Each structure stands twice: as C-alpha cells, then as structure tokens.
Amino acid sequence: MSVAMLMSGFFAGEDYYIERLRSRGVGVAHSLAVLRSRGMRGLRRLHMRSGLPGYAAWFEDWERTVDGADTIIVHASDLSVPVAGYIHRRWPRKRLISWYWNPAGPGSDPGLVPPGTGEVWSFDRGDCRALGLSLNTTYSFRELGDFRGRGEVDFLFVGSDKGRAAVLADLARRLEADGYTYRFCVAGMSRRTRDRYPRLEPIGPIPYVEILRMTGTARAVVEIPQAGQRGSSLRPVEAVLMGRSVLSLTSDIRAERLYDPERVFIVGRDRWDGLEQFVERASAGPVQDIVDYYDFNSWIRRFDDGGVPL
C-alpha cells in the first residue's frame, strides 16, 4: 500500500524518523506547521480547541502528500483531531489511521476522535481495552543497529523526570552499591529534585541521534514507563534493535514480543542476585526476528493483518 505519514512535531527524533521514512518511500509531512514562537503555538492551541472555523490555516502543506497515498497515518494527539477530521471529509475513500504513540492522558486523548473518523490505534494495551482501540506495537528502524558500539556503561536511562526521579535514584543507589556503572540522564528536574538526587545527571534538550549513540554504548537500557502505561515505550525497542538488553521496572513488558528472560531483567520480579549474570549476557547482539518485528515495514503490515492480539 502507498502510505503517507503525518508527524506530530512534538517528538525530538522526528528529523531522524522523517529521513528513514523517506528512504522507505513513505510520503512524510508534519500535520501542523512547525512554529518557533511559543506565543503562536499557544494561539494555535486556543483556536483549534475553540471549534471556530479556519483552523486549516495552521496545517502544514501536505495535501499533495495525502492525495497520492492510499493510507494516511496521523501521529495523533489532541491537536491532530481536527487534522484527521479534515482528511476524512476531504478524502472519505482513503484509509485513515490515528496512531496514538503516547498513553491516554492530557494532550493525548483518543476519546476526542469523533466516531467514524477513520481507525484509531494505540501501542498501549490498557487504552485499547478501555477505549476499544486497535493495538499495534511502537516501531523504529533496523538501521538503529548501526549505532551499536562497545559497551561502555552497564545501565543507561535517558528521559524526562515525570515523577520518576525518586525511583531512578533508588535504583542508582542499589547499582552503585553492587559495583555496576550507570548513567541516568534526566530532563525536567527542578532544582530541588536535582539537589535531592545527586546520582541523577540533569540534562537539557539533547539531539535524538546522540541518545541513539548513548544507547549503542550501554549494555542495558533502563525502562520506567509513565504512570498508567501498559505498552512498551520506544527505549526498549531501540535497545533490542541494537542488540542491547533491558532492565525494566514493570512486569507488563512480559506481554511484549521483545521480552526474553535472557535479555530483559524485571526489577522486583527477577532475583537481584541474578543481575551479574544478566549484565554478562547483555552484549549478545541483536536477534534477527525481533529486529524484523519492530522494524517499520513489519509495523505497517500489521495494520493490514489485524494488529496485535490484546
């Protein structure tokens, strides 16, 4: 099928994703025009939430991209709901998928998509069960294997605080006590949080490609899902595509195709005294069928094959 992807503009890795998608022959654009001014972004948000006419003025120029595709996938958020509605009215015969790659919450509510406005899919099992959505995994690209390097640190976390600082600090303390190396790079910490948890490394905005380089030189990636999340986030997928292991703080990861007890250690479920053996295995290299499964091409095919069973 011929596919057009409308990106959200809210993901730091979109430049990399757009480059890779175009290399696969996918038409790509941002659903909304990229605005540098915070004031203009605020004005757009108010206008699009108001229900007043004329909101299409905020769209990027993607009509030719959409017109030439059989299937349109919108990386969905609250702000993209009018985009999906516009596409549905303008091209009612095209297949339209609103793809939720964040769990349901403020700014990302699949319930706002009006019934009959195409299909609504999510990576989150809990949201799919609660809201009647279709389930697919998150996705990335097999080319991430190019970032794999020599393991320089045992455990890596790169992400936003989102209330996770205390958990990360406790994990860092346990790892340090047992002689493991780690880098826990956390964005969005307040000054008080930084002072309280000195084992965490405060970071500002960081290029996505740099995150991939860091992941490629870690033996294992730490996964702490957002509160309420019931689906594998991007970090574990990046790790398995590079042949790295995952240290997870949720047993929900057992429902994912990437789960392998040899490569995924679940804190609170697996015996802590088995961590040393886990780290020794952590640079075993990628497993080809897992790489194939999470690669973009397989992700696209799953939309035709009924997605992932709940």
Foldseek 3Di string as FASTA:
>chain_A
DAEEEAEALPDLAVVVVVVVCVVVVHHYYHQFDDDPDPVVVVVLVCVQVVPDPDNCVRGDPCPVNVVPGQEYEYADWPSCLVVLVVCCVVPVNGAYEDEDQADDDVRHHPVVNDPPSHAYEYCFPVCCVVPVHFHAHAADALVLLVLADAADFAEEAAEEPLVCLVVVLVVLVVCVVVPGGYAAEYEDDDPVSCVVRVSHHYDYDDRPVVVSNVLNRYLEYEDDGRPPGQGDHDSCLSNQSNQFAYEYQDPSCVPDPPDDVLRYHHPPPDDPVCVVVSSVCGNVGHDVVSNVCRHPVNRVVCVVVRHDDD
